[in-house]
């Protein structure tokens, strides 16, 4: 299995690191990034560990199950497709459901 990060997920990880560094310091930012990347690495061993989000699995995309894992205060959305783990986005837990939905639907349209 391999992990593939979407462009938006990489941008969001960078933005999270910048925000945490600006507000809490460089050590805390590094710890946050290590926490997120560590959880992603764990997906290689346990790809089904995330909670399925079936509202994104309906319709034509039944082959792709969107899952999410909580990495406080963020939520990481991903999909498993054959031998790939696709990191879709990393959203703050208080972000609007509409924004999250738009991000995931845009990913599914392009994928």
PDB file of N, CA and C in Angstrom:
ATOM      1  N   UNK A   1       0.843  -1.191   0.000  1.00  0.00           N
ATOM      2  CA  UNK A   1       0.000   0.000   0.000  1.00  0.00           C
ATOM      3  C   UNK A   1       0.877   1.238   0.000  1.00  0.00           C
ATOM      4  N   UNK A   2       0.338   2.273  -0.589  1.00  0.00           N
ATOM      5  CA  UNK A   2       1.022   3.553  -0.559  1.00  0.00           C
ATOM      6  C   UNK A   2       0.031   4.651  -0.197  1.00  0.00           C
ATOM      7  N   UNK A   3       0.545   5.713   0.385  1.00  0.00           N
ATOM      8  CA  UNK A   3      -0.268   6.863   0.761  1.00  0.00           C
ATOM      9  C   UNK A   3      -0.084   7.941  -0.296  1.00  0.00           C
ATOM     10  N   UNK A   4      -1.199   8.460  -0.789  1.00  0.00           N
ATOM     11  CA  UNK A   4      -1.165   9.553  -1.756  1.00  0.00           C
ATOM     12  C   UNK A   4      -1.943  10.728  -1.170  1.00  0.00           C
ATOM     13  N   UNK A   5      -1.248  11.844  -1.011  1.00  0.00           N
ATOM     14  CA  UNK A   5      -1.860  13.059  -0.473  1.00  0.00           C
ATOM     15  C   UNK A   5      -2.392  13.901  -1.621  1.00  0.00           C
ATOM     16  N   UNK A   6      -3.622  14.368  -1.498  1.00  0.00           N
ATOM     17  CA  UNK A   6      -4.147  15.313  -2.497  1.00  0.00           C
ATOM     18  C   UNK A   6      -3.433  16.652  -2.318  1.00  0.00           C
ATOM     19  N   UNK A   7      -3.479  17.446  -3.347  1.00  0.00           N
ATOM     20  CA  UNK A   7      -2.848  18.765  -3.293  1.00  0.00           C
ATOM     21  C   UNK A   7      -3.445  19.597  -2.152  1.00  0.00           C
ATOM     22  N   UNK A   8      -4.757  19.556  -2.017  1.00  0.00           N
ATOM     23  CA  UNK A   8      -5.419  20.357  -0.982  1.00  0.00           C
ATOM     24  C   UNK A   8      -5.033  19.858   0.411  1.00  0.00           C
ATOM     25  N   UNK A   9      -4.873  18.547   0.593  1.00  0.00           N
ATOM     26  CA  UNK A   9      -4.478  18.014   1.906  1.00  0.00           C
ATOM     27  C   UNK A   9      -3.068  18.484   2.275  1.00  0.00           C
ATOM     28  N   UNK A  10      -2.174  18.522   1.301  1.00  0.00           N
ATOM     29  CA  UNK A  10      -0.818  19.017   1.557  1.00  0.00           C
ATOM     30  C   UNK A  10      -0.868  20.493   1.940  1.00  0.00           C
ATOM     31  N   UNK A  11      -1.660  21.270   1.210  1.00  0.00           N
ATOM     32  CA  UNK A  11      -1.803  22.695   1.525  1.00  0.00           C
ATOM     33  C   UNK A  11      -2.394  22.894   2.918  1.00  0.00           C
ATOM     34  N   UNK A  12      -3.371  22.073   3.276  1.00  0.00           N
ATOM     35  CA  UNK A  12      -3.990  22.188   4.590  1.00  0.00           C
ATOM     36  C   UNK A  12      -3.015  21.801   5.699  1.00  0.00           C
ATOM     37  N   UNK A  13      -2.210  20.776   5.480  1.00  0.00           N
ATOM     38  CA  UNK A  13      -1.212  20.396   6.474  1.00  0.00           C
ATOM     39  C   UNK A  13      -0.207  21.536   6.675  1.00  0.00           C
ATOM     40  N   UNK A  14       0.222  22.148   5.584  1.00  0.00           N
ATOM     41  CA  UNK A  14       1.126  23.302   5.682  1.00  0.00           C
ATOM     42  C   UNK A  14       0.473  24.451   6.442  1.00  0.00           C
ATOM     43  N   UNK A  15      -0.802  24.719   6.145  1.00  0.00           N
ATOM     44  CA  UNK A  15      -1.517  25.811   6.816  1.00  0.00           C
ATOM     45  C   UNK A  15      -1.681  25.527   8.305  1.00  0.00           C
ATOM     46  N   UNK A  16      -1.946  24.288   8.652  1.00  0.00           N
ATOM     47  CA  UNK A  16      -2.064  23.904  10.064  1.00  0.00           C
ATOM     48  C   UNK A  16      -0.732  24.150  10.767  1.00  0.00           C
ATOM     49  N   UNK A  17       0.356  23.717  10.142  1.00  0.00           N
ATOM     50  CA  UNK A  17       1.681  23.896  10.731  1.00  0.00           C
ATOM     51  C   UNK A  17       2.003  25.376  10.921  1.00  0.00           C
ATOM     52  N   UNK A  18       1.696  26.186   9.927  1.00  0.00           N
ATOM     53  CA  UNK A  18       1.951  27.627  10.018  1.00  0.00           C
ATOM     54  C   UNK A  18       1.126  28.267  11.130  1.00  0.00           C
ATOM     55  N   UNK A  19      -0.154  27.915  11.210  1.00  0.00           N
ATOM     56  CA  UNK A  19      -1.024  28.475  12.236  1.00  0.00           C
ATOM     57  C   UNK A  19      -0.538  28.098  13.634  1.00  0.00           C
ATOM     58  N   UNK A  20      -0.256  26.813  13.831  1.00  0.00           N
ATOM     59  CA  UNK A  20       0.170  26.352  15.148  1.00  0.00           C
ATOM     60  C   UNK A  20       1.514  26.989  15.518  1.00  0.00           C
ATOM     61  N   UNK A  21       2.425  27.092  14.560  1.00  0.00           N
ATOM     62  CA  UNK A  21       3.715  27.717  14.853  1.00  0.00           C
ATOM     63  C   UNK A  21       3.551  29.180  15.241  1.00  0.00           C
ATOM     64  N   UNK A  22       2.706  29.900  14.512  1.00  0.00           N
ATOM     65  CA  UNK A  22       2.496  31.325  14.791  1.00  0.00           C
ATOM     66  C   UNK A  22       1.837  31.557  16.147  1.00  0.00           C
ATOM     67  N   UNK A  23       0.977  30.635  16.558  1.00  0.00           N
ATOM     68  CA  UNK A  23       0.217  30.831  17.789  1.00  0.00           C
ATOM     69  C   UNK A  23       0.752  30.072  19.002  1.00  0.00           C
ATOM     70  N   UNK A  24       1.486  28.979  18.762  1.00  0.00           N
ATOM     71  CA  UNK A  24       1.901  28.138  19.883  1.00  0.00           C
ATOM     72  C   UNK A  24       3.386  27.767  19.865  1.00  0.00           C
ATOM     73  N   UNK A  25       4.086  28.138  18.815  1.00  0.00           N
ATOM     74  CA  UNK A  25       5.518  27.879  18.754  1.00  0.00           C
ATOM     75  C   UNK A  25       5.897  26.744  17.821  1.00  0.00           C
ATOM     76  N   UNK A  26       7.157  26.742  17.460  1.00  0.00           N
ATOM     77  CA  UNK A  26       7.658  25.782  16.479  1.00  0.00           C
ATOM     78  C   UNK A  26       7.625  24.347  17.001  1.00  0.00           C
ATOM     79  N   UNK A  27       7.917  24.129  18.273  1.00  0.00           N
ATOM     80  CA  UNK A  27       7.898  22.764  18.816  1.00  0.00           C
ATOM     81  C   UNK A  27       6.499  22.167  18.797  1.00  0.00           C
ATOM     82  N   UNK A  28       5.515  22.969  19.130  1.00  0.00           N
ATOM     83  CA  UNK A  28       4.126  22.490  19.104  1.00  0.00           C
ATOM     84  C   UNK A  28       3.695  22.200  17.673  1.00  0.00           C
ATOM     85  N   UNK A  29       4.122  23.038  16.731  1.00  0.00           N
ATOM     86  CA  UNK A  29       3.790  22.813  15.319  1.00  0.00           C
ATOM     87  C   UNK A  29       4.393  21.499  14.828  1.00  0.00           C
ATOM     88  N   UNK A  30       5.646  21.265  15.180  1.00  0.00           N
ATOM     89  CA  UNK A  30       6.297  20.010  14.776  1.00  0.00           C
ATOM     90  C   UNK A  30       5.585  18.801  15.377  1.00  0.00           C
ATOM     91  N   UNK A  31       5.179  18.933  16.633  1.00  0.00           N
ATOM     92  CA  UNK A  31       4.462  17.840  17.304  1.00  0.00           C
ATOM     93  C   UNK A  31       3.125  17.567  16.612  1.00  0.00           C
ATOM     94  N   UNK A  32       2.418  18.627  16.231  1.00  0.00           N
ATOM     95  CA  UNK A  32       1.128  18.473  15.552  1.00  0.00           C
ATOM     96  C   UNK A  32       1.313  17.772  14.201  1.00  0.00           C
ATOM     97  N   UNK A  33       2.300  18.196  13.434  1.00  0.00           N
ATOM     98  CA  UNK A  33       2.551  17.582  12.128  1.00  0.00           C
ATOM     99  C   UNK A  33       2.953  16.115  12.304  1.00  0.00           C
ATOM    100  N   UNK A  34       3.804  15.822  13.290  1.00  0.00           N
ATOM    101  CA  UNK A  34       4.185  14.428  13.561  1.00  0.00           C
ATOM    102  C   UNK A  34       2.966  13.596  13.957  1.00  0.00           C
ATOM    103  N   UNK A  35       2.068  14.181  14.726  1.00  0.00           N
ATOM    104  CA  UNK A  35       0.849  13.477  15.131  1.00  0.00           C
ATOM    105  C   UNK A  35       0.002  13.128  13.911  1.00  0.00           C
ATOM    106  N   UNK A  36      -0.183  14.095  13.030  1.00  0.00           N
ATOM    107  CA  UNK A  36      -0.994  13.859  11.824  1.00  0.00           C
ATOM    108  C   UNK A  36      -0.327  12.832  10.919  1.00  0.00           C
ATOM    109  N   UNK A  37       0.954  13.011  10.629  1.00  0.00           N
ATOM    110  CA  UNK A  37       1.635  12.071   9.730  1.00  0.00           C
ATOM    111  C   UNK A  37       1.759  10.686  10.362  1.00  0.00           C
ATOM    112  N   UNK A  38       1.856  10.636  11.682  1.00  0.00           N
ATOM    113  CA  UNK A  38       1.886   9.349  12.371  1.00  0.00           C
ATOM    114  C   UNK A  38       0.579   8.595  12.224  1.00  0.00           C
ATOM    115  N   UNK A  39      -0.532   9.314  12.342  1.00  0.00           N
ATOM    116  CA  UNK A  39      -1.855   8.678  12.160  1.00  0.00           C
ATOM    117  C   UNK A  39      -2.004   8.189  10.729  1.00  0.00           C
ATOM    118  N   UNK A  40      -1.504   8.977   9.776  1.00  0.00           N
ATOM    119  CA  UNK A  40      -1.573   8.566   8.372  1.00  0.00           C
ATOM    120  C   UNK A  40      -0.726   7.305   8.167  1.00  0.00           C
ATOM    121  N   UNK A  41       0.444   7.239   8.765  1.00  0.00           N
ATOM    122  CA  UNK A  41       1.286   6.042   8.658  1.00  0.00           C
ATOM    123  C   UNK A  41       0.596   4.818   9.245  1.00  0.00           C
ATOM    124  N   UNK A  42      -0.150   5.025  10.312  1.00  0.00           N
ATOM    125  CA  UNK A  42      -0.891   3.925  10.926  1.00  0.00           C
ATOM    126  C   UNK A  42      -1.956   3.361   9.973  1.00  0.00           C
ATOM    127  N   UNK A  43      -2.443   4.212   9.077  1.00  0.00           N
ATOM    128  CA  UNK A  43      -3.431   3.744   8.099  1.00  0.00           C
ATOM    129  C   UNK A  43      -2.852   2.661   7.190  1.00  0.00           C
ATOM    130  N   UNK A  44      -1.545   2.662   6.997  1.00  0.00           N
ATOM    131  CA  UNK A  44      -0.923   1.621   6.181  1.00  0.00           C
ATOM    132  C   UNK A  44      -1.129   0.241   6.802  1.00  0.00           C
ATOM    133  N   UNK A  45      -1.143   0.178   8.129  1.00  0.00           N
ATOM    134  CA  UNK A  45      -1.377  -1.093   8.821  1.00  0.00           C
ATOM    135  C   UNK A  45      -2.858  -1.393   8.998  1.00  0.00           C
ATOM    136  N   UNK A  46      -3.627  -0.347   9.255  1.00  0.00           N
ATOM    137  CA  UNK A  46      -5.059  -0.503   9.549  1.00  0.00           C
ATOM    138  C   UNK A  46      -5.873   0.465   8.690  1.00  0.00           C
ATOM    139  N   UNK A  47      -5.996   0.203   7.397  1.00  0.00           N
ATOM    140  CA  UNK A  47      -6.676   1.160   6.522  1.00  0.00           C
ATOM    141  C   UNK A  47      -8.162   1.360   6.819  1.00  0.00           C
ATOM    142  N   UNK A  48      -8.781   0.425   7.507  1.00  0.00           N
ATOM    143  CA  UNK A  48     -10.212   0.543   7.807  1.00  0.00           C
ATOM    144  C   UNK A  48     -10.486   1.116   9.180  1.00  0.00           C
ATOM    145  N   UNK A  49      -9.468   1.678   9.829  1.00  0.00           N
ATOM    146  CA  UNK A  49      -9.627   2.170  11.197  1.00  0.00           C
ATOM    147  C   UNK A  49     -10.548   3.384  11.271  1.00  0.00           C
ATOM    148  N   UNK A  50     -10.627   4.150  10.212  1.00  0.00           N
ATOM    149  CA  UNK A  50     -11.458   5.349  10.206  1.00  0.00           C
ATOM    150  C   UNK A  50     -12.944   5.027  10.153  1.00  0.00           C
ATOM    151  N   UNK A  51     -13.733   5.985  10.569  1.00  0.00           N
ATOM    152  CA  UNK A  51     -15.189   5.827  10.579  1.00  0.00           C
ATOM    153  C   UNK A  51     -15.716   6.091   9.169  1.00  0.00           C
ATOM    154  N   UNK A  52     -16.472   5.132   8.591  1.00  0.00           N
ATOM    155  CA  UNK A  52     -17.025   5.351   7.258  1.00  0.00           C
ATOM    156  C   UNK A  52     -18.028   6.513   7.258  1.00  0.00           C
ATOM    157  N   UNK A  53     -17.993   7.297   6.215  1.00  0.00           N
ATOM    158  CA  UNK A  53     -18.922   8.416   6.056  1.00  0.00           C
ATOM    159  C   UNK A  53     -19.764   8.117   4.812  1.00  0.00           C
ATOM    160  N   UNK A  54     -20.875   7.422   5.023  1.00  0.00           N
ATOM    161  CA  UNK A  54     -21.649   6.882   3.915  1.00  0.00           C
ATOM    162  C   UNK A  54     -22.362   7.919   3.076  1.00  0.00           C
ATOM    163  N   UNK A  55     -22.500   9.142   3.561  1.00  0.00           N
ATOM    164  CA  UNK A  55     -23.178  10.145   2.722  1.00  0.00           C
ATOM    165  C   UNK A  55     -22.346  10.476   1.484  1.00  0.00           C
ATOM    166  N   UNK A  56     -21.036  10.212   1.528  1.00  0.00           N
ATOM    167  CA  UNK A  56     -20.188  10.447   0.369  1.00  0.00           C
ATOM    168  C   UNK A  56     -19.986   9.188  -0.466  1.00  0.00           C
ATOM    169  N   UNK A  57     -20.522   8.076  -0.008  1.00  0.00           N
ATOM    170  CA  UNK A  57     -20.327   6.801  -0.684  1.00  0.00           C
ATOM    171  C   UNK A  57     -21.528   6.451  -1.568  1.00  0.00           C
ATOM    172  N   UNK A  58     -22.585   7.209  -1.466  1.00  0.00           N
ATOM    173  CA  UNK A  58     -23.795   6.918  -2.229  1.00  0.00           C
ATOM    174  C   UNK A  58     -23.581   7.225  -3.709  1.00  0.00           C
ATOM    175  N   UNK A  59     -24.467   6.729  -4.521  1.00  0.00           N
ATOM    176  CA  UNK A  59     -24.444   7.044  -5.945  1.00  0.00           C
ATOM    177  C   UNK A  59     -23.373   6.299  -6.707  1.00  0.00           C
ATOM    178  N   UNK A  60     -22.722   7.013  -7.607  1.00  0.00           N
ATOM    179  CA  UNK A  60     -21.768   6.391  -8.519  1.00  0.00           C
ATOM    180  C   UNK A  60     -20.452   6.013  -7.854  1.00  0.00           C
ATOM    181  N   UNK A  61     -20.210   6.486  -6.658  1.00  0.00           N
ATOM    182  CA  UNK A  61     -18.915   6.255  -6.016  1.00  0.00           C
ATOM    183  C   UNK A  61     -18.956   5.139  -4.982  1.00  0.00           C
ATOM    184  N   UNK A  62     -19.769   4.127  -5.198  1.00  0.00           N
ATOM    185  CA  UNK A  62     -19.892   3.056  -4.209  1.00  0.00           C
ATOM    186  C   UNK A  62     -18.616   2.256  -4.037  1.00  0.00           C
ATOM    187  N   UNK A  63     -17.704   2.328  -5.015  1.00  0.00           N
ATOM    188  CA  UNK A  63     -16.452   1.603  -4.880  1.00  0.00           C
ATOM    189  C   UNK A  63     -15.510   2.304  -3.899  1.00  0.00           C
ATOM    190  N   UNK A  64     -15.698   3.575  -3.695  1.00  0.00           N
ATOM    191  CA  UNK A  64     -14.833   4.341  -2.804  1.00  0.00           C
ATOM    192  C   UNK A  64     -15.608   4.693  -1.535  1.00  0.00           C
ATOM    193  N   UNK A  65     -15.123   4.203  -0.401  1.00  0.00           N
ATOM    194  CA  UNK A  65     -15.725   4.542   0.883  1.00  0.00           C
ATOM    195  C   UNK A  65     -14.870   5.630   1.509  1.00  0.00           C
ATOM    196  N   UNK A  66     -15.482   6.764   1.766  1.00  0.00           N
ATOM    197  CA  UNK A  66     -14.793   7.863   2.429  1.00  0.00           C
ATOM    198  C   UNK A  66     -14.834   7.587   3.929  1.00  0.00           C
ATOM    199  N   UNK A  67     -13.687   7.715   4.572  1.00  0.00           N
ATOM    200  CA  UNK A  67     -13.583   7.497   6.012  1.00  0.00           C
ATOM    201  C   UNK A  67     -12.952   8.732   6.646  1.00  0.00           C
ATOM    202  N   UNK A  68     -13.118   8.858   7.951  1.00  0.00           N
ATOM    203  CA  UNK A  68     -12.453   9.954   8.651  1.00  0.00           C
ATOM    204  C   UNK A  68     -11.930   9.483  10.004  1.00  0.00           C
ATOM    205  N   UNK A  69     -10.848  10.148  10.424  1.00  0.00           N
ATOM    206  CA  UNK A  69     -10.289   9.904  11.746  1.00  0.00           C
ATOM    207  C   UNK A  69     -10.090  11.249  12.433  1.00  0.00           C
ATOM    208  N   UNK A  70     -10.363  11.270  13.712  1.00  0.00           N
ATOM    209  CA  UNK A  70     -10.208  12.470  14.520  1.00  0.00           C
ATOM    210  C   UNK A  70      -8.753  12.600  14.930  1.00  0.00           C
ATOM    211  N   UNK A  71      -8.154  13.739  14.642  1.00  0.00           N
ATOM    212  CA  UNK A  71      -6.810  14.075  15.102  1.00  0.00           C
ATOM    213  C   UNK A  71      -6.949  15.460  15.711  1.00  0.00           C
ATOM    214  N   UNK A  72      -7.437  15.490  16.928  1.00  0.00           N
ATOM    215  CA  UNK A  72      -7.858  16.718  17.594  1.00  0.00           C
ATOM    216  C   UNK A  72      -6.864  17.853  17.384  1.00  0.00           C
ATOM    217  N   UNK A  73      -7.326  19.026  16.978  1.00  0.00           N
ATOM    218  CA  UNK A  73      -8.707  19.445  16.745  1.00  0.00           C
ATOM    219  C   UNK A  73      -9.134  19.305  15.286  1.00  0.00           C
ATOM    220  N   UNK A  74      -8.468  18.438  14.544  1.00  0.00           N
ATOM    221  CA  UNK A  74      -8.753  18.278  13.124  1.00  0.00           C
ATOM    222  C   UNK A  74      -9.382  16.926  12.833  1.00  0.00           C
ATOM    223  N   UNK A  75      -9.951  16.827  11.649  1.00  0.00           N
ATOM    224  CA  UNK A  75     -10.504  15.572  11.166  1.00  0.00           C
ATOM    225  C   UNK A  75      -9.883  15.318   9.797  1.00  0.00           C
ATOM    226  N   UNK A  76      -9.299  14.143   9.633  1.00  0.00           N
ATOM    227  CA  UNK A  76      -8.669  13.771   8.379  1.00  0.00           C
ATOM    228  C   UNK A  76      -9.609  12.861   7.607  1.00  0.00           C
ATOM    229  N   UNK A  77      -9.908  13.234   6.368  1.00  0.00           N
ATOM    230  CA  UNK A  77     -10.774  12.443   5.498  1.00  0.00           C
ATOM    231  C   UNK A  77      -9.909  11.715   4.480  1.00  0.00           C
ATOM    232  N   UNK A  78     -10.198  10.434   4.278  1.00  0.00           N
ATOM    233  CA  UNK A  78      -9.408   9.636   3.349  1.00  0.00           C
ATOM    234  C   UNK A  78     -10.271   8.554   2.710  1.00  0.00           C
ATOM    235  N   UNK A  79      -9.714   7.938   1.681  1.00  0.00           N
ATOM    236  CA  UNK A  79     -10.372   6.819   1.018  1.00  0.00           C
ATOM    237  C   UNK A  79      -9.330   5.749   0.745  1.00  0.00           C
ATOM    238  N   UNK A  80      -9.776   4.507   0.721  1.00  0.00           N
ATOM    239  CA  UNK A  80      -8.903   3.396   0.365  1.00  0.00           C
ATOM    240  C   UNK A  80      -9.368   2.885  -0.988  1.00  0.00           C
ATOM    241  N   UNK A  81      -8.430   2.827  -1.913  1.00  0.00           N
ATOM    242  CA  UNK A  81      -8.748   2.366  -3.262  1.00  0.00           C
ATOM    243  C   UNK A  81      -7.698   1.348  -3.672  1.00  0.00           C
ATOM    244  N   UNK A  82      -8.081   0.113  -3.798  1.00  0.00           N
ATOM    245  CA  UNK A  82      -7.200  -1.026  -4.078  1.00  0.00           C
ATOM    246  C   UNK A  82      -5.960  -0.973  -3.184  1.00  0.00           C
ATOM    247  N   UNK A  83      -4.814  -0.606  -3.700  1.00  0.00           N
ATOM    248  CA  UNK A  83      -3.597  -0.602  -2.892  1.00  0.00           C
ATOM    249  C   UNK A  83      -3.133   0.801  -2.529  1.00  0.00           C
ATOM    250  N   UNK A  84      -4.058   1.769  -2.521  1.00  0.00           N
ATOM    251  CA  UNK A  84      -3.722   3.160  -2.216  1.00  0.00           C
ATOM    252  C   UNK A  84      -4.606   3.706  -1.103  1.00  0.00           C
ATOM    253  N   UNK A  85      -3.999   4.539  -0.279  1.00  0.00           N
ATOM    254  CA  UNK A  85      -4.751   5.322   0.693  1.00  0.00           C
ATOM    255  C   UNK A  85      -4.686   6.766   0.202  1.00  0.00           C
ATOM    256  N   UNK A  86      -5.828   7.312  -0.110  1.00  0.00           N
ATOM    257  CA  UNK A  86      -5.914   8.661  -0.663  1.00  0.00           C
ATOM    258  C   UNK A  86      -6.296   9.639   0.444  1.00  0.00           C
ATOM    259  N   UNK A  87      -5.379  10.523   0.803  1.00  0.00           N
ATOM    260  CA  UNK A  87      -5.670  11.536   1.819  1.00  0.00           C
ATOM    261  C   UNK A  87      -6.370  12.685   1.100  1.00  0.00           C
ATOM    262  N   UNK A  88      -7.630  12.900   1.449  1.00  0.00           N
ATOM    263  CA  UNK A  88      -8.455  13.874   0.739  1.00  0.00           C
ATOM    264  C   UNK A  88      -8.277  15.270   1.309  1.00  0.00           C
ATOM    265  N   UNK A  89      -8.496  15.421   2.609  1.00  0.00           N
ATOM    266  CA  UNK A  89      -8.393  16.739   3.227  1.00  0.00           C
ATOM    267  C   UNK A  89      -8.275  16.607   4.739  1.00  0.00           C
ATOM    268  N   UNK A  90      -7.816  17.687   5.353  1.00  0.00           N
ATOM    269  CA  UNK A  90      -7.712  17.777   6.811  1.00  0.00           C
ATOM    270  C   UNK A  90      -8.465  19.035   7.209  1.00  0.00           C
ATOM    271  N   UNK A  91      -9.564  18.871   7.887  1.00  0.00           N
ATOM    272  CA  UNK A  91     -10.425  19.993   8.231  1.00  0.00           C
ATOM    273  C   UNK A  91     -10.476  20.170   9.745  1.00  0.00           C
ATOM    274  N   UNK A  92     -10.609  21.415  10.177  1.00  0.00           N
ATOM    275  CA  UNK A  92     -10.796  21.675  11.604  1.00  0.00           C
ATOM    276  C   UNK A  92     -12.163  21.137  11.991  1.00  0.00           C
ATOM    277  N   UNK A  93     -12.265  20.571  13.181  1.00  0.00           N
ATOM    278  CA  UNK A  93     -13.523  19.950  13.609  1.00  0.00           C
ATOM    279  C   UNK A  93     -14.698  20.924  13.663  1.00  0.00           C
ATOM    280  N   UNK A  94     -14.417  22.219  13.782  1.00  0.00           N
ATOM    281  CA  UNK A  94     -15.501  23.211  13.848  1.00  0.00           C
ATOM    282  C   UNK A  94     -15.821  23.827  12.487  1.00  0.00           C
ATOM    283  N   UNK A  95     -15.171  23.324  11.440  1.00  0.00           N
ATOM    284  CA  UNK A  95     -15.456  23.838  10.106  1.00  0.00           C
ATOM    285  C   UNK A  95     -16.864  23.413   9.699  1.00  0.00           C
ATOM    286  N   UNK A  96     -17.489  24.222   8.901  1.00  0.00           N
ATOM    287  CA  UNK A  96     -18.877  23.944   8.542  1.00  0.00           C
ATOM    288  C   UNK A  96     -18.992  22.643   7.751  1.00  0.00           C
ATOM    289  N   UNK A  97     -20.050  21.883   7.989  1.00  0.00           N
ATOM    290  CA  UNK A  97     -20.267  20.644   7.235  1.00  0.00           C
ATOM    291  C   UNK A  97     -20.363  20.884   5.730  1.00  0.00           C
ATOM    292  N   UNK A  98     -20.856  22.047   5.336  1.00  0.00           N
ATOM    293  CA  UNK A  98     -20.964  22.362   3.910  1.00  0.00           C
ATOM    294  C   UNK A  98     -19.575  22.473   3.277  1.00  0.00           C
ATOM    295  N   UNK A  99     -18.643  23.093   3.992  1.00  0.00           N
ATOM    296  CA  UNK A  99     -17.283  23.228   3.482  1.00  0.00           C
ATOM    297  C   UNK A  99     -16.627  21.858   3.344  1.00  0.00           C
ATOM    298  N   UNK A 100     -16.789  21.030   4.346  1.00  0.00           N
ATOM    299  CA  UNK A 100     -16.236  19.671   4.303  1.00  0.00           C
ATOM    300  C   UNK A 100     -16.837  18.918   3.130  1.00  0.00           C
ATOM    301  N   UNK A 101     -18.146  18.996   2.987  1.00  0.00           N
ATOM    302  CA  UNK A 101     -18.839  18.302   1.910  1.00  0.00           C
ATOM    303  C   UNK A 101     -18.342  18.771   0.542  1.00  0.00           C
ATOM    304  N   UNK A 102     -18.170  20.068   0.379  1.00  0.00           N
ATOM    305  CA  UNK A 102     -17.681  20.612  -0.896  1.00  0.00           C
ATOM    306  C   UNK A 102     -16.289  20.092  -1.225  1.00  0.00           C
ATOM    307  N   UNK A 103     -15.416  20.054  -0.224  1.00  0.00           N
ATOM    308  CA  UNK A 103     -14.048  19.551  -0.432  1.00  0.00           C
ATOM    309  C   UNK A 103     -14.072  18.100  -0.907  1.00  0.00           C
ATOM    310  N   UNK A 104     -14.853  17.279  -0.226  1.00  0.00           N
ATOM    311  CA  UNK A 104     -14.890  15.856  -0.561  1.00  0.00           C
ATOM    312  C   UNK A 104     -15.553  15.633  -1.913  1.00  0.00           C
ATOM    313  N   UNK A 105     -16.637  16.332  -2.180  1.00  0.00           N
ATOM    314  CA  UNK A 105     -17.313  16.169  -3.469  1.00  0.00           C
ATOM    315  C   UNK A 105     -16.418  16.623  -4.623  1.00  0.00           C
ATOM    316  N   UNK A 106     -15.652  17.671  -4.418  1.00  0.00           N
ATOM    317  CA  UNK A 106     -14.710  18.129  -5.439  1.00  0.00           C
ATOM    318  C   UNK A 106     -13.641  17.065  -5.688  1.00  0.00           C
ATOM    319  N   UNK A 107     -13.144  16.459  -4.621  1.00  0.00           N
ATOM    320  CA  UNK A 107     -12.168  15.379  -4.781  1.00  0.00           C
ATOM    321  C   UNK A 107     -12.773  14.231  -5.575  1.00  0.00           C
ATOM    322  N   UNK A 108     -13.985  13.826  -5.228  1.00  0.00           N
ATOM    323  CA  UNK A 108     -14.628  12.705  -5.918  1.00  0.00           C
ATOM    324  C   UNK A 108     -14.880  13.017  -7.397  1.00  0.00           C
ATOM    325  N   UNK A 109     -15.229  14.267  -7.706  1.00  0.00           N
ATOM    326  CA  UNK A 109     -15.439  14.671  -9.100  1.00  0.00           C
ATOM    327  C   UNK A 109     -14.149  14.533  -9.898  1.00  0.00           C
ATOM    328  N   UNK A 110     -13.048  14.949  -9.313  1.00  0.00           N
ATOM    329  CA  UNK A 110     -11.763  14.900 -10.020  1.00  0.00           C
ATOM    330  C   UNK A 110     -11.178  13.502 -10.067  1.00  0.00           C
ATOM    331  N   UNK A 111     -11.563  12.689  -9.106  1.00  0.00           N
ATOM    332  CA  UNK A 111     -10.991  11.340  -9.013  1.00  0.00           C
ATOM    333  C   UNK A 111     -11.842  10.429  -9.832  1.00  0.00           C
TER     334      UNK A 111
END
